[in-house]
């Protein structure tokens, strides 16, 4: 997990800082899914090294599929009607599991 914070510097040198957010980055595969944790009813962004289209699957802690979506680099997914908790996800590309991880919904 990598933490980041955006900084906006205004013309009068006033700095505005965003809240601290997390990015998940795994092994040699360059996939970013953020923010993590994510507030309920918010968007998450998927950044993929590949420009190809993949299938994203989100599962709740009981293993039930709650979201299925096509994704590509820069995709945004609305987490509408998702309860707070821990979720697991996988991205399938070319018929193979490309990436797996977890996401916390606050």
PDB file of N, CA and C in Angstrom:
ATOM      1  N   UNK A   1       0.855  -1.183   0.000  1.00  0.00           N
ATOM      2  CA  UNK A   1       0.000   0.000   0.000  1.00  0.00           C
ATOM      3  C   UNK A   1       0.886   1.226   0.000  1.00  0.00           C
ATOM      4  N   UNK A   2       0.641   2.116  -0.907  1.00  0.00           N
ATOM      5  CA  UNK A   2       1.367   3.376  -0.985  1.00  0.00           C
ATOM      6  C   UNK A   2       0.386   4.498  -0.663  1.00  0.00           C
ATOM      7  N   UNK A   3       0.801   5.423   0.175  1.00  0.00           N
ATOM      8  CA  UNK A   3      -0.057   6.541   0.546  1.00  0.00           C
ATOM      9  C   UNK A   3       0.325   7.766  -0.262  1.00  0.00           C
ATOM     10  N   UNK A   4      -0.664   8.583  -0.583  1.00  0.00           N
ATOM     11  CA  UNK A   4      -0.393   9.791  -1.329  1.00  0.00           C
ATOM     12  C   UNK A   4      -1.316  10.905  -0.853  1.00  0.00           C
ATOM     13  N   UNK A   5      -0.942  12.120  -1.155  1.00  0.00           N
ATOM     14  CA  UNK A   5      -1.741  13.292  -0.828  1.00  0.00           C
ATOM     15  C   UNK A   5      -1.523  14.302  -1.944  1.00  0.00           C
ATOM     16  N   UNK A   6      -2.585  14.840  -2.478  1.00  0.00           N
ATOM     17  CA  UNK A   6      -2.481  15.864  -3.519  1.00  0.00           C
ATOM     18  C   UNK A   6      -2.256  17.228  -2.871  1.00  0.00           C
ATOM     19  N   UNK A   7      -1.445  18.050  -3.515  1.00  0.00           N
ATOM     20  CA  UNK A   7      -1.167  19.405  -3.041  1.00  0.00           C
ATOM     21  C   UNK A   7      -1.538  20.382  -4.149  1.00  0.00           C
ATOM     22  N   UNK A   8      -2.378  21.338  -3.822  1.00  0.00           N
ATOM     23  CA  UNK A   8      -2.756  22.401  -4.753  1.00  0.00           C
ATOM     24  C   UNK A   8      -2.115  23.680  -4.246  1.00  0.00           C
ATOM     25  N   UNK A   9      -1.262  24.300  -5.052  1.00  0.00           N
ATOM     26  CA  UNK A   9      -0.597  25.547  -4.671  1.00  0.00           C
ATOM     27  C   UNK A   9      -1.231  26.681  -5.466  1.00  0.00           C
ATOM     28  N   UNK A  10      -1.816  27.623  -4.748  1.00  0.00           N
ATOM     29  CA  UNK A  10      -2.495  28.755  -5.368  1.00  0.00           C
ATOM     30  C   UNK A  10      -1.488  29.842  -5.732  1.00  0.00           C
ATOM     31  N   UNK A  11      -1.913  30.812  -6.539  1.00  0.00           N
ATOM     32  CA  UNK A  11      -1.032  31.889  -6.985  1.00  0.00           C
ATOM     33  C   UNK A  11      -0.401  32.664  -5.833  1.00  0.00           C
ATOM     34  N   UNK A  12      -1.102  32.736  -4.695  1.00  0.00           N
ATOM     35  CA  UNK A  12      -0.559  33.473  -3.546  1.00  0.00           C
ATOM     36  C   UNK A  12       0.212  32.562  -2.596  1.00  0.00           C
ATOM     37  N   UNK A  13       0.688  31.418  -3.128  1.00  0.00           N
ATOM     38  CA  UNK A  13       1.499  30.436  -2.400  1.00  0.00           C
ATOM     39  C   UNK A  13       0.773  29.747  -1.245  1.00  0.00           C
ATOM     40  N   UNK A  14      -0.527  29.822  -1.232  1.00  0.00           N
ATOM     41  CA  UNK A  14      -1.306  29.069  -0.244  1.00  0.00           C
ATOM     42  C   UNK A  14      -1.409  27.633  -0.739  1.00  0.00           C
ATOM     43  N   UNK A  15      -1.148  26.672   0.161  1.00  0.00           N
ATOM     44  CA  UNK A  15      -1.223  25.254  -0.188  1.00  0.00           C
ATOM     45  C   UNK A  15      -2.499  24.643   0.380  1.00  0.00           C
ATOM     46  N   UNK A  16      -3.177  23.883  -0.445  1.00  0.00           N
ATOM     47  CA  UNK A  16      -4.352  23.141  -0.018  1.00  0.00           C
ATOM     48  C   UNK A  16      -4.015  21.666  -0.167  1.00  0.00           C
ATOM     49  N   UNK A  17      -4.160  20.904   0.926  1.00  0.00           N
ATOM     50  CA  UNK A  17      -3.818  19.480   0.919  1.00  0.00           C
ATOM     51  C   UNK A  17      -5.081  18.631   0.909  1.00  0.00           C
ATOM     52  N   UNK A  18      -5.059  17.565   0.112  1.00  0.00           N
ATOM     53  CA  UNK A  18      -6.168  16.611   0.111  1.00  0.00           C
ATOM     54  C   UNK A  18      -6.018  15.677   1.307  1.00  0.00           C
ATOM     55  N   UNK A  19      -7.038  14.855   1.531  1.00  0.00           N
ATOM     56  CA  UNK A  19      -6.925  13.805   2.531  1.00  0.00           C
ATOM     57  C   UNK A  19      -5.917  12.774   2.030  1.00  0.00           C
ATOM     58  N   UNK A  20      -5.345  12.027   2.942  1.00  0.00           N
ATOM     59  CA  UNK A  20      -4.407  10.965   2.570  1.00  0.00           C
ATOM     60  C   UNK A  20      -5.203   9.785   2.033  1.00  0.00           C
ATOM     61  N   UNK A  21      -4.783   9.251   0.897  1.00  0.00           N
ATOM     62  CA  UNK A  21      -5.429   8.101   0.276  1.00  0.00           C
ATOM     63  C   UNK A  21      -4.392   7.036   0.013  1.00  0.00           C
ATOM     64  N   UNK A  22      -4.845   5.833  -0.292  1.00  0.00           N
ATOM     65  CA  UNK A  22      -3.934   4.734  -0.551  1.00  0.00           C
ATOM     66  C   UNK A  22      -4.043   4.222  -1.971  1.00  0.00           C
ATOM     67  N   UNK A  23      -2.948   3.657  -2.466  1.00  0.00           N
ATOM     68  CA  UNK A  23      -2.894   3.021  -3.776  1.00  0.00           C
ATOM     69  C   UNK A  23      -2.350   1.619  -3.569  1.00  0.00           C
ATOM     70  N   UNK A  24      -3.003   0.645  -4.186  1.00  0.00           N
ATOM     71  CA  UNK A  24      -2.516  -0.724  -4.129  1.00  0.00           C
ATOM     72  C   UNK A  24      -1.669  -0.986  -5.360  1.00  0.00           C
ATOM     73  N   UNK A  25      -0.441  -1.433  -5.175  1.00  0.00           N
ATOM     74  CA  UNK A  25       0.438  -1.812  -6.281  1.00  0.00           C
ATOM     75  C   UNK A  25       1.035  -3.162  -5.938  1.00  0.00           C
ATOM     76  N   UNK A  26       0.944  -4.112  -6.839  1.00  0.00           N
ATOM     77  CA  UNK A  26       1.387  -5.470  -6.560  1.00  0.00           C
ATOM     78  C   UNK A  26       2.463  -5.918  -7.507  1.00  0.00           C
ATOM     79  N   UNK A  27       3.478  -6.571  -6.964  1.00  0.00           N
ATOM     80  CA  UNK A  27       4.508  -7.261  -7.728  1.00  0.00           C
ATOM     81  C   UNK A  27       4.929  -6.550  -8.999  1.00  0.00           C
ATOM     82  N   UNK A  28       5.200  -7.331 -10.046  1.00  0.00           N
ATOM     83  CA  UNK A  28       5.653  -6.786 -11.307  1.00  0.00           C
ATOM     84  C   UNK A  28       4.520  -6.271 -12.170  1.00  0.00           C
ATOM     85  N   UNK A  29       3.277  -6.605 -11.831  1.00  0.00           N
ATOM     86  CA  UNK A  29       2.140  -6.162 -12.616  1.00  0.00           C
ATOM     87  C   UNK A  29       1.765  -4.761 -12.177  1.00  0.00           C
ATOM     88  N   UNK A  30       1.700  -3.862 -13.114  1.00  0.00           N
ATOM     89  CA  UNK A  30       1.420  -2.480 -12.769  1.00  0.00           C
ATOM     90  C   UNK A  30      -0.077  -2.217 -12.843  1.00  0.00           C
ATOM     91  N   UNK A  31      -0.723  -2.341 -11.677  1.00  0.00           N
ATOM     92  CA  UNK A  31      -2.148  -2.079 -11.530  1.00  0.00           C
ATOM     93  C   UNK A  31      -2.317  -1.187 -10.315  1.00  0.00           C
ATOM     94  N   UNK A  32      -3.053  -0.122 -10.460  1.00  0.00           N
ATOM     95  CA  UNK A  32      -3.377   0.744  -9.337  1.00  0.00           C
ATOM     96  C   UNK A  32      -4.883   0.799  -9.199  1.00  0.00           C
ATOM     97  N   UNK A  33      -5.358   0.655  -7.982  1.00  0.00           N
ATOM     98  CA  UNK A  33      -6.779   0.742  -7.686  1.00  0.00           C
ATOM     99  C   UNK A  33      -6.899   1.699  -6.510  1.00  0.00           C
ATOM    100  N   UNK A  34      -7.541   2.828  -6.704  1.00  0.00           N
ATOM    101  CA  UNK A  34      -7.584   3.815  -5.633  1.00  0.00           C
ATOM    102  C   UNK A  34      -8.839   4.656  -5.701  1.00  0.00           C
ATOM    103  N   UNK A  35      -9.206   5.334  -4.591  1.00  0.00           N
ATOM    104  CA  UNK A  35      -8.567   5.271  -3.285  1.00  0.00           C
ATOM    105  C   UNK A  35      -8.899   3.963  -2.582  1.00  0.00           C
ATOM    106  N   UNK A  36      -8.113   3.592  -1.644  1.00  0.00           N
ATOM    107  CA  UNK A  36      -8.317   2.384  -0.843  1.00  0.00           C
ATOM    108  C   UNK A  36      -7.749   2.655   0.538  1.00  0.00           C
ATOM    109  N   UNK A  37      -8.580   2.857   1.546  1.00  0.00           N
ATOM    110  CA  UNK A  37     -10.028   2.639   1.566  1.00  0.00           C
ATOM    111  C   UNK A  37     -10.795   3.721   0.792  1.00  0.00           C
ATOM    112  N   UNK A  38     -12.020   3.364   0.425  1.00  0.00           N
ATOM    113  CA  UNK A  38     -12.867   4.264  -0.353  1.00  0.00           C
ATOM    114  C   UNK A  38     -14.158   4.530   0.424  1.00  0.00           C
ATOM    115  N   UNK A  39     -14.626   5.784   0.444  1.00  0.00           N
ATOM    116  CA  UNK A  39     -15.912   6.079   1.086  1.00  0.00           C
ATOM    117  C   UNK A  39     -17.066   5.432   0.310  1.00  0.00           C
ATOM    118  N   UNK A  40     -18.120   5.079   1.019  1.00  0.00           N
ATOM    119  CA  UNK A  40     -19.317   4.529   0.352  1.00  0.00           C
ATOM    120  C   UNK A  40     -19.855   5.525  -0.666  1.00  0.00           C
ATOM    121  N   UNK A  41     -20.507   5.011  -1.685  1.00  0.00           N
ATOM    122  CA  UNK A  41     -21.128   5.807  -2.752  1.00  0.00           C
ATOM    123  C   UNK A  41     -20.109   6.644  -3.519  1.00  0.00           C
ATOM    124  N   UNK A  42     -18.860   6.192  -3.565  1.00  0.00           N
ATOM    125  CA  UNK A  42     -17.813   6.917  -4.279  1.00  0.00           C
ATOM    126  C   UNK A  42     -17.342   6.122  -5.486  1.00  0.00           C
ATOM    127  N   UNK A  43     -16.510   6.757  -6.284  1.00  0.00           N
ATOM    128  CA  UNK A  43     -15.882   6.093  -7.424  1.00  0.00           C
ATOM    129  C   UNK A  43     -14.509   5.580  -7.024  1.00  0.00           C
ATOM    130  N   UNK A  44     -14.124   4.465  -7.611  1.00  0.00           N
ATOM    131  CA  UNK A  44     -12.736   4.030  -7.555  1.00  0.00           C
ATOM    132  C   UNK A  44     -12.200   4.122  -8.971  1.00  0.00           C
ATOM    133  N   UNK A  45     -10.933   4.332  -9.082  1.00  0.00           N
ATOM    134  CA  UNK A  45     -10.297   4.416 -10.398  1.00  0.00           C
ATOM    135  C   UNK A  45      -9.362   3.233 -10.559  1.00  0.00           C
ATOM    136  N   UNK A  46      -9.378   2.661 -11.760  1.00  0.00           N
ATOM    137  CA  UNK A  46      -8.526   1.533 -12.096  1.00  0.00           C
ATOM    138  C   UNK A  46      -7.498   2.010 -13.115  1.00  0.00           C
ATOM    139  N   UNK A  47      -6.226   1.874 -12.771  1.00  0.00           N
ATOM    140  CA  UNK A  47      -5.149   2.207 -13.699  1.00  0.00           C
ATOM    141  C   UNK A  47      -4.402   0.927 -14.027  1.00  0.00           C
ATOM    142  N   UNK A  48      -4.336   0.598 -15.300  1.00  0.00           N
ATOM    143  CA  UNK A  48      -3.675  -0.615 -15.763  1.00  0.00           C
ATOM    144  C   UNK A  48      -2.501  -0.242 -16.653  1.00  0.00           C
ATOM    145  N   UNK A  49      -1.431  -1.006 -16.534  1.00  0.00           N
ATOM    146  CA  UNK A  49      -0.294  -0.805 -17.431  1.00  0.00           C
ATOM    147  C   UNK A  49      -0.712  -1.123 -18.865  1.00  0.00           C
ATOM    148  N   UNK A  50      -1.541  -2.135 -19.018  1.00  0.00           N
ATOM    149  CA  UNK A  50      -2.013  -2.570 -20.327  1.00  0.00           C
ATOM    150  C   UNK A  50      -3.142  -1.660 -20.814  1.00  0.00           C
ATOM    151  N   UNK A  51      -3.223  -1.445 -22.085  1.00  0.00           N
ATOM    152  CA  UNK A  51      -4.319  -0.672 -22.668  1.00  0.00           C
ATOM    153  C   UNK A  51      -5.484  -1.568 -23.080  1.00  0.00           C
ATOM    154  N   UNK A  52      -5.355  -2.861 -22.825  1.00  0.00           N
ATOM    155  CA  UNK A  52      -6.397  -3.808 -23.186  1.00  0.00           C
ATOM    156  C   UNK A  52      -7.568  -3.744 -22.208  1.00  0.00           C
ATOM    157  N   UNK A  53      -8.691  -4.300 -22.626  1.00  0.00           N
ATOM    158  CA  UNK A  53      -9.889  -4.356 -21.789  1.00  0.00           C
ATOM    159  C   UNK A  53      -9.847  -5.633 -20.957  1.00  0.00           C
ATOM    160  N   UNK A  54     -10.221  -5.502 -19.681  1.00  0.00           N
ATOM    161  CA  UNK A  54     -10.293  -6.658 -18.793  1.00  0.00           C
ATOM    162  C   UNK A  54     -11.656  -6.721 -18.130  1.00  0.00           C
ATOM    163  N   UNK A  55     -11.892  -7.788 -17.407  1.00  0.00           N
ATOM    164  CA  UNK A  55     -13.120  -7.966 -16.643  1.00  0.00           C
ATOM    165  C   UNK A  55     -12.788  -7.856 -15.163  1.00  0.00           C
ATOM    166  N   UNK A  56     -13.488  -6.955 -14.461  1.00  0.00           N
ATOM    167  CA  UNK A  56     -13.283  -6.740 -13.040  1.00  0.00           C
ATOM    168  C   UNK A  56     -14.430  -7.393 -12.286  1.00  0.00           C
ATOM    169  N   UNK A  57     -14.095  -8.187 -11.277  1.00  0.00           N
ATOM    170  CA  UNK A  57     -15.077  -8.860 -10.438  1.00  0.00           C
ATOM    171  C   UNK A  57     -14.833  -8.478  -8.988  1.00  0.00           C
ATOM    172  N   UNK A  58     -15.879  -7.997  -8.298  1.00  0.00           N
ATOM    173  CA  UNK A  58     -15.816  -7.662  -6.874  1.00  0.00           C
ATOM    174  C   UNK A  58     -16.661  -8.649  -6.097  1.00  0.00           C
ATOM    175  N   UNK A  59     -16.082  -9.174  -5.023  1.00  0.00           N
ATOM    176  CA  UNK A  59     -16.771 -10.136  -4.166  1.00  0.00           C
ATOM    177  C   UNK A  59     -16.815  -9.614  -2.739  1.00  0.00           C
ATOM    178  N   UNK A  60     -17.940  -9.855  -2.049  1.00  0.00           N
ATOM    179  CA  UNK A  60     -17.992  -9.483  -0.641  1.00  0.00           C
ATOM    180  C   UNK A  60     -17.283 -10.539   0.195  1.00  0.00           C
ATOM    181  N   UNK A  61     -17.248 -10.353   1.502  1.00  0.00           N
ATOM    182  CA  UNK A  61     -16.507 -11.263   2.376  1.00  0.00           C
ATOM    183  C   UNK A  61     -17.129 -12.651   2.443  1.00  0.00           C
ATOM    184  N   UNK A  62     -18.357 -12.806   1.935  1.00  0.00           N
ATOM    185  CA  UNK A  62     -19.005 -14.117   1.884  1.00  0.00           C
ATOM    186  C   UNK A  62     -18.795 -14.800   0.536  1.00  0.00           C
ATOM    187  N   UNK A  63     -18.034 -14.162  -0.356  1.00  0.00           N
ATOM    188  CA  UNK A  63     -17.747 -14.747  -1.657  1.00  0.00           C
ATOM    189  C   UNK A  63     -18.803 -14.496  -2.716  1.00  0.00           C
ATOM    190  N   UNK A  64     -19.771 -13.629  -2.428  1.00  0.00           N
ATOM    191  CA  UNK A  64     -20.823 -13.321  -3.390  1.00  0.00           C
ATOM    192  C   UNK A  64     -20.347 -12.226  -4.343  1.00  0.00           C
ATOM    193  N   UNK A  65     -20.582 -12.422  -5.631  1.00  0.00           N
ATOM    194  CA  UNK A  65     -20.228 -11.430  -6.648  1.00  0.00           C
ATOM    195  C   UNK A  65     -21.166 -10.228  -6.497  1.00  0.00           C
ATOM    196  N   UNK A  66     -20.599  -9.036  -6.287  1.00  0.00           N
ATOM    197  CA  UNK A  66     -21.419  -7.843  -6.102  1.00  0.00           C
ATOM    198  C   UNK A  66     -21.265  -6.832  -7.243  1.00  0.00           C
ATOM    199  N   UNK A  67     -20.144  -6.875  -7.955  1.00  0.00           N
ATOM    200  CA  UNK A  67     -19.935  -5.998  -9.111  1.00  0.00           C
ATOM    201  C   UNK A  67     -19.167  -6.772 -10.170  1.00  0.00           C
ATOM    202  N   UNK A  68     -19.619  -6.622 -11.400  1.00  0.00           N
ATOM    203  CA  UNK A  68     -18.904  -7.159 -12.557  1.00  0.00           C
ATOM    204  C   UNK A  68     -18.873  -6.050 -13.597  1.00  0.00           C
ATOM    205  N   UNK A  69     -17.687  -5.728 -14.114  1.00  0.00           N
ATOM    206  CA  UNK A  69     -17.581  -4.602 -15.037  1.00  0.00           C
ATOM    207  C   UNK A  69     -16.398  -4.783 -15.974  1.00  0.00           C
ATOM    208  N   UNK A  70     -16.540  -4.295 -17.179  1.00  0.00           N
ATOM    209  CA  UNK A  70     -15.415  -4.202 -18.107  1.00  0.00           C
ATOM    210  C   UNK A  70     -14.572  -3.008 -17.684  1.00  0.00           C
ATOM    211  N   UNK A  71     -13.253  -3.168 -17.670  1.00  0.00           N
ATOM    212  CA  UNK A  71     -12.367  -2.073 -17.290  1.00  0.00           C
ATOM    213  C   UNK A  71     -11.222  -1.960 -18.277  1.00  0.00           C
ATOM    214  N   UNK A  72     -10.688  -0.780 -18.345  1.00  0.00           N
ATOM    215  CA  UNK A  72      -9.464  -0.508 -19.090  1.00  0.00           C
ATOM    216  C   UNK A  72      -8.738   0.588 -18.335  1.00  0.00           C
ATOM    217  N   UNK A  73      -7.579   0.937 -18.770  1.00  0.00           N
ATOM    218  CA  UNK A  73      -6.807   1.961 -18.098  1.00  0.00           C
ATOM    219  C   UNK A  73      -7.637   3.238 -17.942  1.00  0.00           C
ATOM    220  N   UNK A  74      -7.755   3.727 -16.712  1.00  0.00           N
ATOM    221  CA  UNK A  74      -8.509   4.954 -16.441  1.00  0.00           C
ATOM    222  C   UNK A  74      -9.966   4.752 -16.127  1.00  0.00           C
ATOM    223  N   UNK A  75     -10.446   3.519 -16.116  1.00  0.00           N
ATOM    224  CA  UNK A  75     -11.859   3.270 -15.818  1.00  0.00           C
ATOM    225  C   UNK A  75     -12.215   3.734 -14.413  1.00  0.00           C
ATOM    226  N   UNK A  76     -13.439   4.235 -14.268  1.00  0.00           N
ATOM    227  CA  UNK A  76     -13.975   4.566 -12.952  1.00  0.00           C
ATOM    228  C   UNK A  76     -15.176   3.683 -12.694  1.00  0.00           C
ATOM    229  N   UNK A  77     -15.242   3.167 -11.485  1.00  0.00           N
ATOM    230  CA  UNK A  77     -16.339   2.282 -11.083  1.00  0.00           C
ATOM    231  C   UNK A  77     -17.062   2.936  -9.911  1.00  0.00           C
ATOM    232  N   UNK A  78     -18.382   3.118 -10.023  1.00  0.00           N
ATOM    233  CA  UNK A  78     -19.184   3.671  -8.938  1.00  0.00           C
ATOM    234  C   UNK A  78     -19.555   2.547  -7.980  1.00  0.00           C
ATOM    235  N   UNK A  79     -19.220   2.718  -6.732  1.00  0.00           N
ATOM    236  CA  UNK A  79     -19.565   1.720  -5.714  1.00  0.00           C
ATOM    237  C   UNK A  79     -20.912   2.085  -5.104  1.00  0.00           C
ATOM    238  N   UNK A  80     -21.941   1.973  -5.910  1.00  0.00           N
ATOM    239  CA  UNK A  80     -23.294   2.334  -5.506  1.00  0.00           C
ATOM    240  C   UNK A  80     -23.938   1.161  -4.772  1.00  0.00           C
ATOM    241  N   UNK A  81     -24.623   1.457  -3.672  1.00  0.00           N
ATOM    242  CA  UNK A  81     -25.347   0.447  -2.886  1.00  0.00           C
ATOM    243  C   UNK A  81     -24.434  -0.658  -2.380  1.00  0.00           C
ATOM    244  N   UNK A  82     -23.185  -0.330  -2.091  1.00  0.00           N
ATOM    245  CA  UNK A  82     -22.238  -1.295  -1.540  1.00  0.00           C
ATOM    246  C   UNK A  82     -22.100  -1.009  -0.049  1.00  0.00           C
ATOM    247  N   UNK A  83     -22.295  -2.019   0.778  1.00  0.00           N
ATOM    248  CA  UNK A  83     -22.170  -1.862   2.227  1.00  0.00           C
ATOM    249  C   UNK A  83     -20.703  -1.689   2.616  1.00  0.00           C
ATOM    250  N   UNK A  84     -20.481  -1.078   3.749  1.00  0.00           N
ATOM    251  CA  UNK A  84     -19.123  -0.953   4.275  1.00  0.00           C
ATOM    252  C   UNK A  84     -18.559  -2.337   4.554  1.00  0.00           C
ATOM    253  N   UNK A  85     -17.256  -2.493   4.350  1.00  0.00           N
ATOM    254  CA  UNK A  85     -16.625  -3.771   4.644  1.00  0.00           C
ATOM    255  C   UNK A  85     -15.443  -4.049   3.737  1.00  0.00           C
ATOM    256  N   UNK A  86     -14.931  -5.253   3.849  1.00  0.00           N
ATOM    257  CA  UNK A  86     -13.796  -5.712   3.064  1.00  0.00           C
ATOM    258  C   UNK A  86     -14.296  -6.452   1.831  1.00  0.00           C
ATOM    259  N   UNK A  87     -13.752  -6.095   0.675  1.00  0.00           N
ATOM    260  CA  UNK A  87     -14.115  -6.734  -0.586  1.00  0.00           C
ATOM    261  C   UNK A  87     -12.849  -7.257  -1.263  1.00  0.00           C
ATOM    262  N   UNK A  88     -13.036  -8.294  -2.042  1.00  0.00           N
ATOM    263  CA  UNK A  88     -11.933  -8.874  -2.802  1.00  0.00           C
ATOM    264  C   UNK A  88     -12.250  -8.695  -4.277  1.00  0.00           C
ATOM    265  N   UNK A  89     -11.228  -8.486  -5.078  1.00  0.00           N
ATOM    266  CA  UNK A  89     -11.475  -8.292  -6.499  1.00  0.00           C
ATOM    267  C   UNK A  89     -10.423  -9.028  -7.308  1.00  0.00           C
ATOM    268  N   UNK A  90     -10.793  -9.281  -8.550  1.00  0.00           N
ATOM    269  CA  UNK A  90      -9.841  -9.829  -9.503  1.00  0.00           C
ATOM    270  C   UNK A  90     -10.104  -9.203 -10.857  1.00  0.00           C
ATOM    271  N   UNK A  91      -9.034  -9.118 -11.639  1.00  0.00           N
ATOM    272  CA  UNK A  91      -9.126  -8.621 -13.009  1.00  0.00           C
ATOM    273  C   UNK A  91      -8.681  -9.756 -13.916  1.00  0.00           C
ATOM    274  N   UNK A  92      -9.521 -10.101 -14.877  1.00  0.00           N
ATOM    275  CA  UNK A  92      -9.245 -11.156 -15.844  1.00  0.00           C
ATOM    276  C   UNK A  92      -8.948 -10.506 -17.193  1.00  0.00           C
ATOM    277  N   UNK A  93      -7.821 -10.877 -17.782  1.00  0.00           N
ATOM    278  CA  UNK A  93      -7.469 -10.392 -19.118  1.00  0.00           C
ATOM    279  C   UNK A  93      -7.008 -11.575 -19.946  1.00  0.00           C
ATOM    280  N   UNK A  94      -7.472 -11.650 -21.162  1.00  0.00           N
ATOM    281  CA  UNK A  94      -7.107 -12.730 -22.087  1.00  0.00           C
ATOM    282  C   UNK A  94      -7.418 -14.101 -21.491  1.00  0.00           C
ATOM    283  N   UNK A  95      -8.523 -14.179 -20.717  1.00  0.00           N
ATOM    284  CA  UNK A  95      -8.939 -15.451 -20.142  1.00  0.00           C
ATOM    285  C   UNK A  95      -8.122 -15.913 -18.949  1.00  0.00           C
ATOM    286  N   UNK A  96      -7.202 -15.078 -18.458  1.00  0.00           N
ATOM    287  CA  UNK A  96      -6.369 -15.457 -17.323  1.00  0.00           C
ATOM    288  C   UNK A  96      -6.464 -14.417 -16.218  1.00  0.00           C
ATOM    289  N   UNK A  97      -6.288 -14.882 -14.981  1.00  0.00           N
ATOM    290  CA  UNK A  97      -6.289 -13.973 -13.846  1.00  0.00           C
ATOM    291  C   UNK A  97      -5.069 -13.066 -13.945  1.00  0.00           C
ATOM    292  N   UNK A  98      -5.308 -11.787 -14.079  1.00  0.00           N
ATOM    293  CA  UNK A  98      -4.260 -10.795 -14.296  1.00  0.00           C
ATOM    294  C   UNK A  98      -3.816 -10.158 -12.985  1.00  0.00           C
ATOM    295  N   UNK A  99      -4.776  -9.964 -12.059  1.00  0.00           N
ATOM    296  CA  UNK A  99      -4.485  -9.266 -10.816  1.00  0.00           C
ATOM    297  C   UNK A  99      -5.566  -9.589  -9.805  1.00  0.00           C
ATOM    298  N   UNK A 100      -5.182  -9.727  -8.532  1.00  0.00           N
ATOM    299  CA  UNK A 100      -6.146  -9.897  -7.442  1.00  0.00           C
ATOM    300  C   UNK A 100      -5.770  -8.945  -6.321  1.00  0.00           C
ATOM    301  N   UNK A 101      -6.741  -8.587  -5.510  1.00  0.00           N
ATOM    302  CA  UNK A 101      -6.470  -7.709  -4.390  1.00  0.00           C
ATOM    303  C   UNK A 101      -7.689  -7.533  -3.519  1.00  0.00           C
ATOM    304  N   UNK A 102      -7.608  -6.603  -2.602  1.00  0.00           N
ATOM    305  CA  UNK A 102      -8.722  -6.323  -1.703  1.00  0.00           C
ATOM    306  C   UNK A 102      -8.956  -4.821  -1.639  1.00  0.00           C
ATOM    307  N   UNK A 103     -10.151  -4.464  -1.236  1.00  0.00           N
ATOM    308  CA  UNK A 103     -10.555  -3.062  -1.152  1.00  0.00           C
ATOM    309  C   UNK A 103     -11.430  -2.895   0.085  1.00  0.00           C
ATOM    310  N   UNK A 104     -11.205  -1.839   0.836  1.00  0.00           N
ATOM    311  CA  UNK A 104     -12.024  -1.539   2.006  1.00  0.00           C
ATOM    312  C   UNK A 104     -12.981  -0.418   1.646  1.00  0.00           C
ATOM    313  N   UNK A 105     -14.275  -0.653   1.883  1.00  0.00           N
ATOM    314  CA  UNK A 105     -15.303   0.366   1.700  1.00  0.00           C
ATOM    315  C   UNK A 105     -15.673   0.871   3.094  1.00  0.00           C
ATOM    316  N   UNK A 106     -15.509   2.177   3.296  1.00  0.00           N
ATOM    317  CA  UNK A 106     -15.766   2.765   4.626  1.00  0.00           C
ATOM    318  C   UNK A 106     -17.242   3.028   4.845  1.00  0.00           C
TER     319      UNK A 106
END
